N, C-alpha and C. Protein backbone atom coordinates (compact mmCIF):
# COMPACT_ATOMS: atom_id res chain seq x y z
N MET A 1 29.79 -23.39 -18.84
CA MET A 1 31.57 -23.01 -18.59
C MET A 1 32.34 -21.70 -17.72
N PHE A 2 32.88 -21.78 -16.62
CA PHE A 2 32.89 -20.33 -15.71
C PHE A 2 34.55 -19.80 -16.44
N LEU A 3 34.82 -18.95 -16.47
CA LEU A 3 36.34 -18.16 -16.70
C LEU A 3 36.81 -18.20 -14.96
N VAL A 4 37.14 -18.57 -14.41
CA VAL A 4 37.81 -17.62 -13.31
C VAL A 4 39.07 -17.00 -13.25
N VAL A 5 38.37 -15.74 -13.21
CA VAL A 5 39.37 -14.63 -13.46
C VAL A 5 39.97 -13.73 -12.43
N LEU A 6 39.61 -14.44 -10.70
CA LEU A 6 40.21 -13.84 -9.47
C LEU A 6 40.42 -14.58 -8.35
N ALA A 7 40.77 -14.73 -7.33
CA ALA A 7 40.52 -15.66 -6.13
C ALA A 7 40.62 -14.19 -5.44
N LEU A 8 39.69 -14.71 -4.24
CA LEU A 8 39.13 -13.70 -3.21
C LEU A 8 39.16 -14.53 -1.68
N LEU A 9 39.83 -14.14 -0.76
CA LEU A 9 39.48 -14.58 0.26
C LEU A 9 39.75 -13.61 1.63
N ALA A 10 38.66 -13.61 2.93
CA ALA A 10 38.32 -12.84 3.13
C ALA A 10 37.81 -13.45 5.23
N GLY A 11 38.04 -12.75 6.03
CA GLY A 11 38.12 -13.54 7.26
C GLY A 11 37.71 -12.66 7.86
N THR A 12 37.51 -12.89 9.10
CA THR A 12 36.74 -12.30 10.43
C THR A 12 37.52 -12.19 11.75
N THR A 13 37.82 -11.93 12.39
CA THR A 13 38.03 -11.92 14.44
C THR A 13 37.66 -11.24 15.12
N ALA A 14 36.89 -11.90 16.01
CA ALA A 14 36.91 -11.21 17.19
C ALA A 14 38.01 -11.27 18.60
N MET A 15 38.05 -9.73 18.74
CA MET A 15 38.97 -9.76 20.17
C MET A 15 38.12 -9.63 21.16
N PRO A 16 38.87 -9.20 22.54
CA PRO A 16 37.95 -9.38 23.30
C PRO A 16 37.22 -8.06 23.56
N THR A 17 37.98 -6.68 23.40
CA THR A 17 37.91 -5.51 23.13
C THR A 17 37.68 -4.84 21.82
N SER A 18 36.79 -3.56 21.46
CA SER A 18 37.51 -2.90 20.63
C SER A 18 38.28 -2.67 20.53
N GLU A 19 39.02 -1.91 21.42
CA GLU A 19 40.67 -1.62 21.52
C GLU A 19 41.25 -2.36 21.00
N GLN A 20 40.95 -4.07 20.96
CA GLN A 20 42.37 -5.40 21.04
C GLN A 20 41.69 -5.15 19.25
N ALA A 21 40.88 -4.83 19.08
CA ALA A 21 40.89 -5.04 17.52
C ALA A 21 41.42 -4.06 16.71
N GLN A 22 41.27 -3.07 17.40
CA GLN A 22 42.03 -1.92 16.22
C GLN A 22 43.18 -1.97 16.18
N GLN A 23 44.19 -2.66 17.79
CA GLN A 23 45.74 -3.11 17.73
C GLN A 23 45.43 -4.03 16.50
N LEU A 24 45.24 -5.29 16.63
CA LEU A 24 45.13 -6.12 15.28
C LEU A 24 45.05 -5.21 14.06
N ARG A 25 44.09 -4.95 13.87
CA ARG A 25 44.12 -4.20 12.09
C ARG A 25 45.00 -3.22 12.02
N ASN A 26 45.86 -2.49 12.73
CA ASN A 26 47.05 -1.60 12.51
C ASN A 26 48.55 -2.45 12.26
N LEU A 27 48.04 -3.67 13.13
CA LEU A 27 49.56 -4.30 12.69
C LEU A 27 49.50 -5.09 11.24
N VAL A 28 48.08 -5.93 10.88
CA VAL A 28 47.87 -6.45 10.11
C VAL A 28 48.11 -5.15 8.50
N ASP A 29 47.39 -4.39 8.70
CA ASP A 29 47.75 -3.63 7.69
C ASP A 29 48.93 -2.80 7.45
N ARG A 30 50.09 -3.56 7.98
CA ARG A 30 51.27 -3.28 7.26
C ARG A 30 51.78 -4.36 6.52
N THR A 31 52.52 -4.00 5.43
CA THR A 31 52.91 -4.80 4.59
C THR A 31 54.24 -6.02 5.16
N GLY A 32 53.53 -7.32 4.83
CA GLY A 32 54.28 -8.49 5.21
C GLY A 32 54.51 -8.55 6.74
N THR A 33 53.51 -7.83 7.93
CA THR A 33 53.29 -8.71 8.49
C THR A 33 51.65 -9.26 9.37
N GLY A 34 51.82 -9.99 8.16
CA GLY A 34 50.44 -11.05 8.20
C GLY A 34 49.53 -11.42 7.26
N ASN A 35 49.17 -12.20 6.88
CA ASN A 35 48.21 -12.85 5.80
C ASN A 35 47.10 -13.80 6.19
N LEU A 36 45.99 -13.42 5.65
CA LEU A 36 45.32 -15.07 5.89
C LEU A 36 45.69 -16.09 5.79
N THR A 37 45.41 -17.38 5.99
CA THR A 37 45.94 -18.10 5.58
C THR A 37 45.25 -18.85 4.10
N GLU A 38 45.82 -18.95 3.60
CA GLU A 38 45.60 -19.30 1.86
C GLU A 38 45.43 -21.15 1.98
N LEU A 39 44.25 -21.21 0.89
CA LEU A 39 43.34 -22.27 1.06
C LEU A 39 43.68 -22.86 -0.91
N GLY A 40 44.21 -23.73 -1.19
CA GLY A 40 44.14 -23.95 -2.38
C GLY A 40 45.88 -23.83 -3.10
N THR A 41 45.73 -23.33 -3.77
CA THR A 41 47.00 -23.11 -4.72
C THR A 41 47.38 -21.16 -4.72
N THR A 42 46.32 -20.41 -4.65
CA THR A 42 46.38 -19.05 -4.71
C THR A 42 47.17 -18.31 -3.78
N GLU A 43 48.46 -18.10 -4.31
CA GLU A 43 49.49 -17.10 -3.60
C GLU A 43 48.73 -15.80 -3.23
N PHE A 44 48.54 -15.21 -1.97
CA PHE A 44 48.01 -13.85 -2.02
C PHE A 44 49.05 -13.13 -1.40
N THR A 45 49.43 -12.29 -1.96
CA THR A 45 50.33 -10.93 -2.02
C THR A 45 50.23 -10.00 -1.07
N GLY A 46 48.65 -9.94 -0.70
CA GLY A 46 48.40 -8.64 0.11
C GLY A 46 48.42 -7.46 -0.54
N ILE A 47 48.95 -7.54 -2.09
CA ILE A 47 48.74 -6.12 -2.83
C ILE A 47 46.96 -5.48 -2.86
N TYR A 48 46.31 -6.80 -3.18
CA TYR A 48 45.05 -5.94 -3.46
C TYR A 48 44.23 -6.50 -2.06
N TYR A 49 43.97 -5.85 -1.29
CA TYR A 49 43.92 -5.97 0.42
C TYR A 49 43.29 -4.78 1.00
N ASP A 50 41.68 -4.96 1.56
CA ASP A 50 41.56 -4.02 2.50
C ASP A 50 40.94 -4.55 3.80
N SER A 51 40.58 -3.70 5.21
CA SER A 51 40.42 -4.38 6.25
C SER A 51 39.24 -2.67 6.54
N ARG A 52 38.25 -3.91 8.07
CA ARG A 52 37.52 -2.80 8.58
C ARG A 52 37.61 -3.54 10.33
N THR A 53 37.53 -2.35 10.67
CA THR A 53 37.24 -3.04 12.00
C THR A 53 35.39 -2.12 12.38
N GLU A 54 35.39 -3.08 13.19
CA GLU A 54 33.54 -2.68 13.77
C GLU A 54 33.57 -3.16 15.18
N GLY A 55 33.48 -2.48 15.73
CA GLY A 55 33.75 -2.86 17.06
C GLY A 55 34.91 -4.06 17.53
N ASN A 56 34.31 -4.77 17.96
CA ASN A 56 35.53 -5.58 18.24
C ASN A 56 36.01 -6.58 17.46
N THR A 57 35.59 -6.53 16.44
CA THR A 57 35.91 -7.23 15.09
C THR A 57 36.48 -6.54 13.90
N VAL A 58 37.63 -7.09 13.42
CA VAL A 58 38.21 -7.20 12.27
C VAL A 58 37.97 -8.15 11.38
N THR A 59 37.64 -7.59 10.05
CA THR A 59 37.21 -7.66 8.81
C THR A 59 39.03 -7.77 7.86
N ILE A 60 39.12 -9.10 6.98
CA ILE A 60 40.46 -8.52 6.17
C ILE A 60 39.61 -9.13 4.78
N ALA A 61 40.42 -8.59 3.58
CA ALA A 61 39.79 -9.17 2.76
C ALA A 61 40.99 -9.18 1.40
N GLN A 62 41.59 -9.91 0.73
CA GLN A 62 42.91 -10.03 -0.37
C GLN A 62 42.17 -10.86 -1.50
N ALA A 63 42.45 -9.91 -2.61
CA ALA A 63 41.96 -10.53 -4.24
C ALA A 63 43.45 -11.10 -4.72
N GLU A 64 43.46 -11.73 -5.83
CA GLU A 64 44.19 -12.18 -6.51
C GLU A 64 44.26 -11.99 -7.72
N PRO A 65 44.70 -11.47 -9.01
CA PRO A 65 44.32 -12.35 -10.53
C PRO A 65 44.69 -13.65 -10.89
N HIS A 66 43.80 -13.96 -11.56
CA HIS A 66 43.98 -15.28 -12.06
C HIS A 66 44.23 -15.19 -13.42
N ASN A 67 43.51 -14.15 -13.99
CA ASN A 67 43.52 -13.29 -15.72
C ASN A 67 44.46 -12.13 -15.71
N PRO A 68 45.27 -12.28 -16.61
CA PRO A 68 45.89 -11.29 -16.83
C PRO A 68 45.10 -9.83 -17.60
N ALA A 69 43.71 -10.41 -17.55
CA ALA A 69 43.14 -8.96 -18.30
C ALA A 69 42.19 -8.06 -16.97
N VAL A 70 42.83 -9.16 -15.59
CA VAL A 70 41.66 -8.42 -15.13
C VAL A 70 42.50 -6.98 -14.14
N THR A 71 42.26 -5.72 -14.00
CA THR A 71 42.74 -4.45 -13.71
C THR A 71 43.32 -4.45 -12.04
N ALA A 72 43.87 -3.90 -11.62
CA ALA A 72 44.29 -3.53 -10.32
C ALA A 72 42.71 -2.67 -9.34
N THR A 73 42.77 -1.98 -10.21
CA THR A 73 41.03 -1.48 -9.69
C THR A 73 40.18 -2.72 -9.39
N ALA A 74 40.17 -3.51 -10.65
CA ALA A 74 39.11 -4.18 -10.41
C ALA A 74 39.06 -5.53 -8.96
N LEU A 75 40.40 -5.94 -8.41
CA LEU A 75 41.11 -6.37 -7.48
C LEU A 75 40.64 -5.58 -6.53
N ASN A 76 41.28 -4.16 -6.36
CA ASN A 76 40.65 -3.52 -4.93
C ASN A 76 39.25 -3.22 -4.95
N GLN A 77 38.52 -3.59 -5.88
CA GLN A 77 37.27 -2.99 -5.47
C GLN A 77 36.49 -4.96 -4.83
N ALA A 78 37.10 -5.55 -6.08
CA ALA A 78 36.68 -7.03 -5.09
C ALA A 78 36.96 -7.15 -3.59
N ALA A 79 38.21 -6.90 -3.62
CA ALA A 79 38.51 -6.59 -1.65
C ALA A 79 37.66 -5.75 -1.00
N THR A 80 36.99 -4.60 -1.33
CA THR A 80 36.65 -3.74 -0.67
C THR A 80 35.07 -4.46 -0.34
N VAL A 81 34.62 -5.13 -1.56
CA VAL A 81 33.24 -5.12 -2.22
C VAL A 81 32.93 -6.73 -0.68
N ALA A 82 34.61 -7.57 -1.09
CA ALA A 82 34.02 -8.68 0.12
C ALA A 82 33.89 -8.66 1.72
N LEU A 83 34.80 -7.00 2.06
CA LEU A 83 34.38 -7.39 3.30
C LEU A 83 32.83 -7.34 4.19
N ASP A 84 31.96 -6.75 2.70
CA ASP A 84 30.22 -6.84 3.37
C ASP A 84 29.71 -8.08 3.18
N ALA A 85 30.54 -9.06 2.09
CA ALA A 85 30.16 -10.67 2.17
C ALA A 85 30.12 -11.60 3.64
N PRO A 86 28.89 -12.27 3.86
CA PRO A 86 28.92 -13.24 5.36
C PRO A 86 30.27 -13.56 5.59
N HIS A 87 31.18 -13.89 6.70
CA HIS A 87 32.20 -14.94 6.81
C HIS A 87 31.16 -15.27 7.77
N GLY A 88 31.87 -16.64 8.14
CA GLY A 88 32.16 -16.97 9.81
C GLY A 88 32.76 -17.94 10.12
């Protein structure tokens, strides 16, 4: 039996240049400017969010609770850890 405690979504975008990648990250890091496209029934709010730019690549990750016992700290940490997960 599995207990779902959180939903996690991460994605990577390659831009033509590192400058454009940084511009994209500057845009998406602002509240209300964009979200990853959700799959399934989880609505991602962007509250538990992290991002990273490496060269011309921007990686974005978000987490949402599915259990009220999950702390904000755990959700923020999950988003940060997701930046290192393989994305395709």
